[in-house]
Amino acid sequence: MAARKPKAAPSRIEYVLGKGTSRLLNARIDKEEIHLIVNGPAMLYDQVRILTSLDMADGATFQAWTRLANGLSCTSYCGRNGVTKLSVTVDPSRIGTGLKFSTGPMSMYQSLVVLRPRKKGQTMKKLIDESFNYSKTAFSVLMIPEAAEGHMEHDASIFESGVTGPSPSDDDSHHHEHHH
């Protein structure tokens, strides 16, 4: 009896999100999956935006973004929190539309976020090109990991233990401007 050929794993690219890593990640790639390795603490990043160099006239319409969002699946894998389905949402603004998705549940540990087309065997490039109606204009689609808003690190007790020297209340050296 002939042995069955093992199924090939989907092609993928891996990007590491950590302090100082690239802020512009190519999403329009000839791979079936994008793996974002989110190095904890997750308070560094809370979401990723997907933007394009196309303008509305070239096909980056709300409808195109909706097609792309509906064609994507996003999942967070974390030893601590297990598997979490993440939604990819259309993010309209006054200056243009894009997509956004969360980097998963807050964790002090490494987690993996996998972004892939829902259609099996489809590459990210094919889904993106289809969504934007095969625009004749040369374009890129980039993911931009965004720093978490707020100052959760000030509330995290792990940063308080073993603090030496003057406490932040003793002087003004730890002052933040909060503009909301």
Protein backbone atom coordinates (compact mmCIF):
# COMPACT_ATOMS: atom_id res chain seq x y z
CA MET A 1 0.00 0.00 0.00
CA ALA A 2 1.41 3.39 -1.01
CA ALA A 3 1.98 5.84 1.81
CA ARG A 4 -0.11 8.99 1.59
CA LYS A 5 1.92 12.08 0.89
CA PRO A 6 1.80 14.38 3.93
CA LYS A 7 -0.13 17.57 3.26
CA ALA A 8 2.21 20.49 2.70
CA ALA A 9 1.94 23.23 5.30
CA PRO A 10 0.62 26.53 3.94
CA SER A 11 3.34 28.87 2.70
CA ARG A 12 3.95 31.69 5.12
CA ILE A 13 6.04 34.67 6.10
CA GLU A 14 6.89 35.49 9.71
CA TYR A 15 7.22 38.95 11.18
CA VAL A 16 8.35 39.53 14.76
CA LEU A 17 6.68 42.38 16.63
CA GLY A 18 8.90 43.62 19.42
CA LYS A 19 10.47 46.82 20.62
CA GLY A 20 12.26 48.45 17.71
CA THR A 21 11.12 46.04 14.98
CA SER A 22 9.90 47.27 11.60
CA ARG A 23 6.77 49.39 11.58
CA LEU A 24 5.86 48.66 7.93
CA LEU A 25 5.16 45.03 7.08
CA ASN A 26 4.30 43.88 3.56
CA ALA A 27 0.90 42.14 3.40
CA ARG A 28 0.67 41.77 -0.40
CA ILE A 29 2.81 38.67 -0.59
CA ASP A 30 2.67 35.41 -2.56
CA LYS A 31 2.16 33.39 0.62
CA GLU A 32 -0.94 31.79 2.12
CA GLU A 33 -0.36 33.00 5.68
CA ILE A 34 1.18 35.87 7.57
CA HIS A 35 2.47 34.94 11.03
CA LEU A 36 2.92 37.83 13.45
CA ILE A 37 5.00 36.76 16.42
CA VAL A 38 3.99 39.18 19.16
CA ASN A 39 6.72 39.24 21.78
CA GLY A 40 5.22 40.07 25.17
CA PRO A 41 4.39 42.07 27.03
CA ALA A 42 1.43 42.54 24.71
CA MET A 43 1.00 46.01 26.16
CA LEU A 44 3.54 47.10 23.50
CA TYR A 45 1.09 46.48 20.64
CA ASP A 46 -2.68 46.32 20.74
CA GLN A 47 -3.66 46.35 17.08
CA VAL A 48 -2.43 46.25 13.52
CA ARG A 49 -3.71 48.48 10.72
CA ILE A 50 -3.68 47.46 7.07
CA LEU A 51 -3.29 50.34 4.61
CA THR A 52 -2.59 50.64 0.89
CA SER A 53 -0.77 53.07 -1.36
CA LEU A 54 -3.83 52.98 -3.67
CA ASP A 55 -6.25 55.88 -3.52
CA MET A 56 -10.02 55.63 -3.93
CA ALA A 57 -9.86 56.40 -7.65
CA ASP A 58 -7.49 53.45 -8.12
CA GLY A 59 -9.77 51.04 -6.29
CA ALA A 60 -9.26 51.48 -2.55
CA THR A 61 -12.99 51.97 -1.96
CA PHE A 62 -14.99 51.10 1.13
CA GLN A 63 -16.45 48.17 -0.86
CA ALA A 64 -12.95 46.88 -1.74
CA TRP A 65 -11.86 47.06 1.91
CA THR A 66 -15.06 45.25 2.92
CA ARG A 67 -14.32 42.47 0.38
CA LEU A 68 -10.80 42.16 1.78
CA ALA A 69 -11.97 42.10 5.43
CA ASN A 70 -14.59 39.45 4.61
CA GLY A 71 -11.98 37.35 2.82
CA LEU A 72 -9.54 37.29 5.76
CA SER A 73 -9.36 35.05 8.79
CA CYS A 74 -7.37 36.12 11.83
CA THR A 75 -6.52 33.92 14.83
CA SER A 76 -4.41 34.41 17.95
CA TYR A 77 -2.57 31.45 19.45
CA CYS A 78 -1.24 31.93 22.96
CA GLY A 79 -0.15 29.27 25.44
CA ARG A 80 -1.80 31.29 28.17
CA ASN A 81 -5.16 32.15 26.56
CA GLY A 82 -5.47 29.37 23.98
CA VAL A 83 -6.93 30.05 20.54
CA THR A 84 -8.88 33.26 19.96
CA LYS A 85 -10.63 34.24 16.72
CA LEU A 86 -9.93 37.91 15.99
CA SER A 87 -12.14 40.04 13.79
CA VAL A 88 -10.70 42.02 10.91
CA THR A 89 -12.76 45.21 10.67
CA VAL A 90 -13.09 47.94 8.09
CA ASP A 91 -11.82 51.17 9.62
CA PRO A 92 -13.15 54.21 7.78
CA SER A 93 -11.78 57.63 8.67
CA ARG A 94 -11.99 61.12 7.27
CA ILE A 95 -8.69 60.61 5.46
CA GLY A 96 -9.37 57.17 4.00
CA THR A 97 -10.30 53.62 4.79
CA GLY A 98 -8.22 50.67 5.94
CA LEU A 99 -8.56 47.54 8.03
CA LYS A 100 -7.60 46.80 11.60
CA PHE A 101 -7.34 43.77 13.85
CA SER A 102 -6.30 43.16 17.43
CA THR A 103 -3.03 41.46 18.37
CA GLY A 104 -5.03 39.20 20.69
CA PRO A 105 -5.64 38.96 24.43
CA MET A 106 -3.26 40.88 26.68
CA SER A 107 -0.45 38.57 27.74
CA MET A 108 3.00 38.81 29.25
CA TYR A 109 4.07 35.95 26.99
CA GLN A 110 4.72 35.47 23.31
CA SER A 111 1.69 34.93 21.14
CA LEU A 112 1.20 34.20 17.47
CA VAL A 113 -1.35 35.97 15.28
CA VAL A 114 -2.08 34.26 11.96
CA LEU A 115 -3.70 36.24 9.15
CA ARG A 116 -4.82 34.20 6.13
CA PRO A 117 -7.36 34.19 3.31
CA ARG A 118 -10.48 32.20 4.19
CA LYS A 119 -10.29 30.45 0.81
CA LYS A 120 -7.94 27.44 1.13
CA GLY A 121 -4.79 27.63 -0.98
CA GLN A 122 -5.28 31.30 -1.87
CA THR A 123 -2.34 33.66 -1.39
CA MET A 124 -2.57 37.02 0.34
CA LYS A 125 -1.57 38.72 -2.93
CA LYS A 126 -4.36 37.01 -4.88
CA LEU A 127 -6.99 37.94 -2.27
CA ILE A 128 -5.77 41.55 -2.10
CA ASP A 129 -5.59 41.91 -5.89
CA GLU A 130 -9.08 40.41 -6.24
CA SER A 131 -10.46 42.70 -3.52
CA PHE A 132 -9.09 45.79 -5.27
CA ASN A 133 -10.37 44.61 -8.69
CA TYR A 134 -6.88 43.95 -10.07
CA SER A 135 -5.91 47.62 -10.05
CA LYS A 136 -3.74 48.63 -13.02
CA THR A 137 -1.73 50.92 -10.73
CA ALA A 138 1.36 49.47 -9.04
CA PHE A 139 0.61 49.40 -5.33
CA SER A 140 1.58 48.05 -1.96
CA VAL A 141 -0.47 46.94 1.02
CA LEU A 142 1.23 47.30 4.37
CA MET A 143 0.48 46.26 7.93
CA ILE A 144 1.34 48.82 10.57
CA PRO A 145 1.55 47.46 14.13
CA GLU A 146 0.32 50.12 16.54
CA ALA A 147 1.60 50.81 20.02
CA ALA A 148 -0.92 50.23 22.76
CA GLU A 149 -2.60 53.44 23.93
CA GLY A 150 -2.76 54.32 27.60
CA HIS A 151 -0.20 53.64 30.26
CA MET A 152 -0.99 50.17 31.54
CA GLU A 153 2.63 49.70 32.52
CA HIS A 154 2.13 52.21 35.34
CA ASP A 155 -0.57 50.03 36.85
CA ALA A 156 1.26 46.71 36.50
CA SER A 157 2.48 45.62 39.92
CA ILE A 158 5.53 43.78 38.50
CA PHE A 159 7.12 47.16 37.79
CA GLU A 160 6.64 48.30 41.38
CA SER A 161 8.46 45.54 43.28
CA GLY A 162 12.06 46.26 44.19
CA VAL A 163 12.00 49.87 43.03
CA THR A 164 14.99 51.74 44.41
CA GLY A 165 15.60 55.44 44.57
CA PRO A 166 13.03 58.20 44.91
CA SER A 167 9.45 57.29 44.15
CA PRO A 168 7.83 59.06 41.20
CA SER A 169 5.82 61.23 43.60
CA ASP A 170 9.02 62.66 45.16
CA ASP A 171 9.84 64.70 42.07
CA ASP A 172 8.51 65.55 38.65
CA SER A 173 10.83 63.27 36.66
CA HIS A 174 8.04 60.82 35.80
CA HIS A 175 5.47 63.28 34.46
CA HIS A 176 3.47 62.45 31.30
CA GLU A 177 1.32 64.76 29.23
CA HIS A 178 -1.96 63.04 28.42
CA HIS A 179 -3.68 64.54 25.36
CA HIS A 180 -6.90 62.76 24.49
